[in-house]
């Protein structure tokens, strides 16, 4: 049981570390937020109908 618990704790630690790293990178570099496309993509204007 302790082996499974240790593997689970290791995986959880890796996931939490990755999320913290992502948060630090996006907090200090605003271009990453813009490059990831946080805002929705604007729709193209419709062509004029004749």
PDB file of N, CA and C in Angstrom:
ATOM      1  N   UNK A   1       0.833  -1.202   0.000  1.00  0.00           N
ATOM      2  CA  UNK A   1       0.000   0.000   0.000  1.00  0.00           C
ATOM      3  C   UNK A   1       0.868   1.253   0.000  1.00  0.00           C
ATOM      4  N   UNK A   2       1.970   1.232   0.756  1.00  0.00           N
ATOM      5  CA  UNK A   2       2.804   2.423   0.834  1.00  0.00           C
ATOM      6  C   UNK A   2       3.477   2.723  -0.508  1.00  0.00           C
ATOM      7  N   UNK A   3       3.727   1.686  -1.318  1.00  0.00           N
ATOM      8  CA  UNK A   3       4.332   1.911  -2.631  1.00  0.00           C
ATOM      9  C   UNK A   3       3.348   2.658  -3.537  1.00  0.00           C
ATOM     10  N   UNK A   4       2.087   2.271  -3.507  1.00  0.00           N
ATOM     11  CA  UNK A   4       1.076   2.966  -4.308  1.00  0.00           C
ATOM     12  C   UNK A   4       0.890   4.396  -3.816  1.00  0.00           C
ATOM     13  N   UNK A   5       0.890   4.574  -2.510  1.00  0.00           N
ATOM     14  CA  UNK A   5       0.727   5.907  -1.944  1.00  0.00           C
ATOM     15  C   UNK A   5       1.911   6.791  -2.312  1.00  0.00           C
ATOM     16  N   UNK A   6       3.097   6.234  -2.303  1.00  0.00           N
ATOM     17  CA  UNK A   6       4.284   7.000  -2.689  1.00  0.00           C
ATOM     18  C   UNK A   6       4.243   7.403  -4.152  1.00  0.00           C
ATOM     19  N   UNK A   7       3.807   6.495  -5.016  1.00  0.00           N
ATOM     20  CA  UNK A   7       3.699   6.814  -6.445  1.00  0.00           C
ATOM     21  C   UNK A   7       2.636   7.880  -6.678  1.00  0.00           C
ATOM     22  N   UNK A   8       1.545   7.786  -5.935  1.00  0.00           N
ATOM     23  CA  UNK A   8       0.488   8.786  -6.060  1.00  0.00           C
ATOM     24  C   UNK A   8       0.977  10.152  -5.593  1.00  0.00           C
ATOM     25  N   UNK A   9       1.706  10.180  -4.480  1.00  0.00           N
ATOM     26  CA  UNK A   9       2.223  11.445  -3.961  1.00  0.00           C
ATOM     27  C   UNK A   9       3.233  12.054  -4.935  1.00  0.00           C
ATOM     28  N   UNK A  10       4.060  11.232  -5.547  1.00  0.00           N
ATOM     29  CA  UNK A  10       5.027  11.734  -6.524  1.00  0.00           C
ATOM     30  C   UNK A  10       4.322  12.327  -7.736  1.00  0.00           C
ATOM     31  N   UNK A  11       3.319  11.633  -8.264  1.00  0.00           N
ATOM     32  CA  UNK A  11       2.571  12.140  -9.409  1.00  0.00           C
ATOM     33  C   UNK A  11       1.847  13.437  -9.053  1.00  0.00           C
ATOM     34  N   UNK A  12       1.272  13.496  -7.880  1.00  0.00           N
ATOM     35  CA  UNK A  12       0.581  14.703  -7.437  1.00  0.00           C
ATOM     36  C   UNK A  12       1.556  15.866  -7.305  1.00  0.00           C
ATOM     37  N   UNK A  13       2.738  15.600  -6.777  1.00  0.00           N
ATOM     38  CA  UNK A  13       3.751  16.644  -6.647  1.00  0.00           C
ATOM     39  C   UNK A  13       4.199  17.166  -7.998  1.00  0.00           C
ATOM     40  N   UNK A  14       4.356  16.280  -8.958  1.00  0.00           N
ATOM     41  CA  UNK A  14       4.765  16.703 -10.301  1.00  0.00           C
ATOM     42  C   UNK A  14       3.678  17.568 -10.938  1.00  0.00           C
ATOM     43  N   UNK A  15       2.422  17.175 -10.796  1.00  0.00           N
ATOM     44  CA  UNK A  15       1.326  17.953 -11.371  1.00  0.00           C
ATOM     45  C   UNK A  15       1.210  19.333 -10.731  1.00  0.00           C
ATOM     46  N   UNK A  16       1.342  19.394  -9.423  1.00  0.00           N
ATOM     47  CA  UNK A  16       1.247  20.678  -8.731  1.00  0.00           C
ATOM     48  C   UNK A  16       2.412  21.577  -9.135  1.00  0.00           C
ATOM     49  N   UNK A  17       3.603  21.002  -9.248  1.00  0.00           N
ATOM     50  CA  UNK A  17       4.763  21.779  -9.669  1.00  0.00           C
ATOM     51  C   UNK A  17       4.593  22.325 -11.075  1.00  0.00           C
ATOM     52  N   UNK A  18       4.032  21.527 -11.968  1.00  0.00           N
ATOM     53  CA  UNK A  18       3.817  21.988 -13.341  1.00  0.00           C
ATOM     54  C   UNK A  18       2.797  23.120 -13.384  1.00  0.00           C
ATOM     55  N   UNK A  19       1.756  23.022 -12.583  1.00  0.00           N
ATOM     56  CA  UNK A  19       0.751  24.087 -12.561  1.00  0.00           C
ATOM     57  C   UNK A  19       1.329  25.377 -11.985  1.00  0.00           C
ATOM     58  N   UNK A  20       2.172  25.260 -10.958  1.00  0.00           N
ATOM     59  CA  UNK A  20       2.800  26.444 -10.388  1.00  0.00           C
ATOM     60  C   UNK A  20       3.743  27.093 -11.386  1.00  0.00           C
ATOM     61  N   UNK A  21       4.497  26.286 -12.115  1.00  0.00           N
ATOM     62  CA  UNK A  21       5.407  26.819 -13.119  1.00  0.00           C
ATOM     63  C   UNK A  21       4.636  27.554 -14.215  1.00  0.00           C
ATOM     64  N   UNK A  22       3.520  26.978 -14.645  1.00  0.00           N
ATOM     65  CA  UNK A  22       2.694  27.639 -15.665  1.00  0.00           C
ATOM     66  C   UNK A  22       2.165  28.965 -15.141  1.00  0.00           C
ATOM     67  N   UNK A  23       1.748  28.998 -13.895  1.00  0.00           N
ATOM     68  CA  UNK A  23       1.227  30.226 -13.306  1.00  0.00           C
ATOM     69  C   UNK A  23       2.309  31.294 -13.232  1.00  0.00           C
ATOM     70  N   UNK A  24       3.519  30.908 -12.835  1.00  0.00           N
ATOM     71  CA  UNK A  24       4.611  31.870 -12.749  1.00  0.00           C
ATOM     72  C   UNK A  24       4.965  32.425 -14.126  1.00  0.00           C
ATOM     73  N   UNK A  25       4.996  31.570 -15.126  1.00  0.00           N
ATOM     74  CA  UNK A  25       5.364  32.013 -16.466  1.00  0.00           C
ATOM     75  C   UNK A  25       4.312  32.965 -17.017  1.00  0.00           C
ATOM     76  N   UNK A  26       3.046  32.644 -16.862  1.00  0.00           N
ATOM     77  CA  UNK A  26       1.996  33.503 -17.408  1.00  0.00           C
ATOM     78  C   UNK A  26       1.848  34.791 -16.609  1.00  0.00           C
ATOM     79  N   UNK A  27       2.201  34.784 -15.334  1.00  0.00           N
ATOM     80  CA  UNK A  27       2.077  35.995 -14.525  1.00  0.00           C
ATOM     81  C   UNK A  27       3.164  37.006 -14.870  1.00  0.00           C
ATOM     82  N   UNK A  28       4.345  36.542 -15.258  1.00  0.00           N
ATOM     83  CA  UNK A  28       5.458  37.448 -15.514  1.00  0.00           C
ATOM     84  C   UNK A  28       5.657  37.761 -16.989  1.00  0.00           C
ATOM     85  N   UNK A  29       4.919  37.124 -17.856  1.00  0.00           N
ATOM     86  CA  UNK A  29       5.115  37.347 -19.284  1.00  0.00           C
ATOM     87  C   UNK A  29       3.744  37.456 -19.933  1.00  0.00           C
ATOM     88  N   UNK A  30       3.299  38.676 -20.191  1.00  0.00           N
ATOM     89  CA  UNK A  30       1.947  38.867 -20.720  1.00  0.00           C
ATOM     90  C   UNK A  30       1.838  38.420 -22.168  1.00  0.00           C
ATOM     91  N   UNK A  31       2.965  38.313 -22.902  1.00  0.00           N
ATOM     92  CA  UNK A  31       2.888  37.892 -24.300  1.00  0.00           C
ATOM     93  C   UNK A  31       2.462  36.436 -24.406  1.00  0.00           C
ATOM     94  N   UNK A  32       2.765  35.632 -23.386  1.00  0.00           N
ATOM     95  CA  UNK A  32       2.347  34.230 -23.413  1.00  0.00           C
ATOM     96  C   UNK A  32       0.837  34.142 -23.354  1.00  0.00           C
ATOM     97  N   UNK A  33       0.218  35.000 -22.556  1.00  0.00           N
ATOM     98  CA  UNK A  33      -1.236  34.999 -22.439  1.00  0.00           C
ATOM     99  C   UNK A  33      -1.856  35.377 -23.789  1.00  0.00           C
ATOM    100  N   UNK A  34      -1.279  36.378 -24.447  1.00  0.00           N
ATOM    101  CA  UNK A  34      -1.828  36.797 -25.730  1.00  0.00           C
ATOM    102  C   UNK A  34      -1.580  35.738 -26.797  1.00  0.00           C
ATOM    103  N   UNK A  35      -0.416  35.076 -26.750  1.00  0.00           N
ATOM    104  CA  UNK A  35      -0.105  34.067 -27.755  1.00  0.00           C
ATOM    105  C   UNK A  35      -0.992  32.836 -27.586  1.00  0.00           C
ATOM    106  N   UNK A  36      -1.420  32.558 -26.363  1.00  0.00           N
ATOM    107  CA  UNK A  36      -2.277  31.400 -26.125  1.00  0.00           C
ATOM    108  C   UNK A  36      -3.716  31.676 -26.539  1.00  0.00           C
ATOM    109  N   UNK A  37      -4.051  32.921 -26.811  1.00  0.00           N
ATOM    110  CA  UNK A  37      -5.390  33.249 -27.285  1.00  0.00           C
ATOM    111  C   UNK A  37      -6.440  33.145 -26.205  1.00  0.00           C
ATOM    112  N   UNK A  38      -6.287  33.916 -25.156  1.00  0.00           N
ATOM    113  CA  UNK A  38      -7.271  33.882 -24.074  1.00  0.00           C
ATOM    114  C   UNK A  38      -8.606  34.439 -24.552  1.00  0.00           C
ATOM    115  N   UNK A  39      -8.565  35.495 -25.348  1.00  0.00           N
ATOM    116  CA  UNK A  39      -9.811  36.075 -25.837  1.00  0.00           C
ATOM    117  C   UNK A  39     -10.314  35.291 -27.046  1.00  0.00           C
ATOM    118  N   UNK A  40     -11.596  35.304 -27.291  1.00  0.00           N
ATOM    119  CA  UNK A  40     -12.123  34.566 -28.450  1.00  0.00           C
ATOM    120  C   UNK A  40     -11.677  35.190 -29.760  1.00  0.00           C
ATOM    121  N   UNK A  41     -11.593  34.385 -30.778  1.00  0.00           N
ATOM    122  CA  UNK A  41     -11.181  34.855 -32.098  1.00  0.00           C
ATOM    123  C   UNK A  41     -12.319  35.669 -32.697  1.00  0.00           C
ATOM    124  N   UNK A  42     -12.039  36.890 -33.166  1.00  0.00           N
ATOM    125  CA  UNK A  42     -13.125  37.681 -33.756  1.00  0.00           C
ATOM    126  C   UNK A  42     -13.633  37.051 -35.042  1.00  0.00           C
ATOM    127  N   UNK A  43     -14.918  37.205 -35.277  1.00  0.00           N
ATOM    128  CA  UNK A  43     -15.515  36.654 -36.491  1.00  0.00           C
ATOM    129  C   UNK A  43     -15.185  37.549 -37.674  1.00  0.00           C
ATOM    130  N   UNK A  44     -15.024  36.933 -38.833  1.00  0.00           N
ATOM    131  CA  UNK A  44     -14.763  37.688 -40.048  1.00  0.00           C
ATOM    132  C   UNK A  44     -16.052  38.375 -40.493  1.00  0.00           C
ATOM    133  N   UNK A  45     -15.929  39.582 -41.044  1.00  0.00           N
ATOM    134  CA  UNK A  45     -17.152  40.244 -41.513  1.00  0.00           C
ATOM    135  C   UNK A  45     -17.737  39.493 -42.699  1.00  0.00           C
ATOM    136  N   UNK A  46     -19.037  39.487 -42.753  1.00  0.00           N
ATOM    137  CA  UNK A  46     -19.724  38.813 -43.860  1.00  0.00           C
ATOM    138  C   UNK A  46     -19.537  39.603 -45.157  1.00  0.00           C
ATOM    139  N   UNK A  47     -19.343  38.912 -46.268  1.00  0.00           N
ATOM    140  CA  UNK A  47     -19.223  39.645 -47.522  1.00  0.00           C
ATOM    141  C   UNK A  47     -20.571  40.285 -47.885  1.00  0.00           C
ATOM    142  N   UNK A  48     -20.531  41.405 -48.584  1.00  0.00           N
ATOM    143  CA  UNK A  48     -21.809  42.054 -48.938  1.00  0.00           C
ATOM    144  C   UNK A  48     -22.635  41.155 -49.857  1.00  0.00           C
ATOM    145  N   UNK A  49     -23.898  41.045 -49.541  1.00  0.00           N
ATOM    146  CA  UNK A  49     -24.782  40.227 -50.372  1.00  0.00           C
ATOM    147  C   UNK A  49     -25.365  41.081 -51.495  1.00  0.00           C
ATOM    148  N   UNK A  50     -25.327  40.545 -52.687  1.00  0.00           N
ATOM    149  CA  UNK A  50     -25.854  41.270 -53.854  1.00  0.00           C
ATOM    150  C   UNK A  50     -27.135  40.663 -54.330  1.00  0.00           C
TER     151      UNK A  50
END
